[in-house]
């Protein structure tokens, strides 16, 4: 079996959904889409193509289902094209912390960086070769 995308959906934990929304909207210059249910609040990343894209959201639940972590759990890479540095330049002013600055993975695979968001999550960035 081959996958078109290895990831189909991701959820980033938040303890303060509004603070997290402001952080991600600031560093990516976009508006998130709110989706609230009785026991969970989500702020979805906008997609150009909902049928073929990889989607995700920041999430806060009334129970402790979501727990931010700087060290544990999966590491997701968010799309920072055309250049990881454009996003990194906004991280600290928005309340985050850069833990791995922009590094070249290889000439074929582009660049990566890692930051801690306002909720205490370890998140990575990726951009294509330049």
Protein backbone atom coordinates (compact mmCIF):
# COMPACT_ATOMS: atom_id res chain seq x y z
CA UNK A 1 0.00 0.00 0.00
CA UNK A 2 1.26 3.48 -0.86
CA UNK A 3 0.00 6.64 0.75
CA UNK A 4 -0.56 9.95 -1.02
CA UNK A 5 0.20 11.64 2.34
CA UNK A 6 1.62 9.87 5.39
CA UNK A 7 -0.44 12.17 7.63
CA UNK A 8 -4.14 12.79 7.15
CA UNK A 9 -4.90 14.83 10.30
CA UNK A 10 -3.08 16.14 13.37
CA UNK A 11 -4.12 17.75 16.63
CA UNK A 12 -1.93 20.05 18.71
CA UNK A 13 -2.88 20.23 22.42
CA UNK A 14 -3.75 23.60 23.95
CA UNK A 15 -4.40 24.68 27.52
CA UNK A 16 -5.59 28.14 26.39
CA UNK A 17 -7.27 27.82 22.99
CA UNK A 18 -7.45 31.57 22.35
CA UNK A 19 -3.77 32.13 23.18
CA UNK A 20 -2.79 29.20 20.95
CA UNK A 21 -4.98 30.48 18.11
CA UNK A 22 -3.37 33.93 18.33
CA UNK A 23 0.11 32.39 18.31
CA UNK A 24 -0.43 30.25 15.19
CA UNK A 25 -2.35 32.95 13.33
CA UNK A 26 0.52 35.36 14.06
CA UNK A 27 3.41 33.14 12.99
CA UNK A 28 1.70 31.87 9.81
CA UNK A 29 -0.22 35.07 8.85
CA UNK A 30 -3.53 33.26 8.49
CA UNK A 31 -6.92 32.88 10.19
CA UNK A 32 -7.90 29.60 11.83
CA UNK A 33 -11.39 28.14 11.58
CA UNK A 34 -13.20 27.64 14.92
CA UNK A 35 -15.09 24.41 15.55
CA UNK A 36 -16.57 23.96 19.02
CA UNK A 37 -18.41 21.00 20.51
CA UNK A 38 -19.67 20.53 24.09
CA UNK A 39 -16.47 18.78 25.28
CA UNK A 40 -13.82 20.02 22.82
CA UNK A 41 -12.77 23.25 21.15
CA UNK A 42 -10.79 23.20 17.92
CA UNK A 43 -9.16 25.84 15.78
CA UNK A 44 -8.48 24.30 12.38
CA UNK A 45 -5.66 25.24 10.05
CA UNK A 46 -7.15 26.48 6.74
CA UNK A 47 -6.76 24.23 3.69
CA UNK A 48 -6.91 25.04 0.01
CA UNK A 49 -8.13 21.54 -0.85
CA UNK A 50 -10.03 19.74 1.92
CA UNK A 51 -10.36 16.56 -0.15
CA UNK A 52 -6.66 16.10 -0.91
CA UNK A 53 -4.89 18.17 1.75
CA UNK A 54 -3.49 17.24 5.14
CA UNK A 55 -5.48 18.98 7.85
CA UNK A 56 -5.04 19.66 11.50
CA UNK A 57 -6.11 21.75 14.46
CA UNK A 58 -5.17 23.01 17.86
CA UNK A 59 -7.45 21.39 20.44
CA UNK A 60 -8.61 21.87 24.01
CA UNK A 61 -10.88 19.35 25.72
CA UNK A 62 -12.75 19.56 29.03
CA UNK A 63 -11.00 16.40 30.24
CA UNK A 64 -7.20 15.93 30.25
CA UNK A 65 -7.17 14.13 26.88
CA UNK A 66 -4.80 16.70 25.36
CA UNK A 67 -1.54 17.40 27.20
CA UNK A 68 1.11 19.74 25.75
CA UNK A 69 4.72 18.50 25.96
CA UNK A 70 8.15 19.88 25.09
CA UNK A 71 9.70 16.41 25.14
CA UNK A 72 7.15 13.60 24.75
CA UNK A 73 4.98 12.29 21.97
CA UNK A 74 5.15 12.62 18.19
CA UNK A 75 6.93 15.49 16.49
CA UNK A 76 4.90 16.99 13.66
CA UNK A 77 6.36 19.17 10.92
CA UNK A 78 4.23 22.08 9.75
CA UNK A 79 4.65 23.48 6.24
CA UNK A 80 6.78 26.64 6.35
CA UNK A 81 7.27 27.11 2.59
CA UNK A 82 8.82 29.00 1.00
CA UNK A 83 11.36 29.45 3.85
CA UNK A 84 11.44 28.16 7.45
CA UNK A 85 13.21 31.38 8.48
CA UNK A 86 10.14 33.51 7.60
CA UNK A 87 8.16 31.68 10.29
CA UNK A 88 11.05 31.47 12.78
CA UNK A 89 11.39 35.25 12.67
CA UNK A 90 7.92 35.55 14.25
CA UNK A 91 8.12 32.81 16.91
CA UNK A 92 9.63 34.68 19.86
CA UNK A 93 7.62 37.89 19.37
CA UNK A 94 4.45 35.74 19.36
CA UNK A 95 5.40 34.10 22.67
CA UNK A 96 7.18 30.93 21.50
CA UNK A 97 10.76 29.71 21.86
CA UNK A 98 13.10 28.45 19.13
CA UNK A 99 14.92 25.28 20.23
CA UNK A 100 16.48 24.21 16.91
CA UNK A 101 17.26 27.03 14.46
CA UNK A 102 16.97 26.62 10.70
CA UNK A 103 19.08 23.70 9.52
CA UNK A 104 19.50 22.14 6.10
CA UNK A 105 18.37 18.51 6.13
CA UNK A 106 20.04 17.93 2.75
CA UNK A 107 20.02 19.63 -0.66
CA UNK A 108 17.21 17.26 -1.73
CA UNK A 109 15.01 17.52 1.37
CA UNK A 110 15.22 21.18 2.30
CA UNK A 111 15.24 22.81 5.72
CA UNK A 112 13.84 22.24 9.21
CA UNK A 113 13.60 23.93 12.61
CA UNK A 114 11.91 23.20 15.95
CA UNK A 115 10.09 25.53 18.35
CA UNK A 116 8.05 25.41 21.55
CA UNK A 117 4.65 27.06 21.14
CA UNK A 118 2.76 29.12 23.73
CA UNK A 119 1.12 25.95 25.07
CA UNK A 120 4.41 24.11 25.68
CA UNK A 121 4.29 21.87 22.59
CA UNK A 122 7.41 20.91 20.64
CA UNK A 123 6.58 21.55 16.96
CA UNK A 124 8.80 21.38 13.87
CA UNK A 125 8.82 23.34 10.63
CA UNK A 126 9.84 22.20 7.15
CA UNK A 127 10.47 24.05 3.89
CA UNK A 128 11.51 22.77 0.49
CA UNK A 129 15.01 23.22 -0.92
CA UNK A 130 15.70 26.78 -2.02
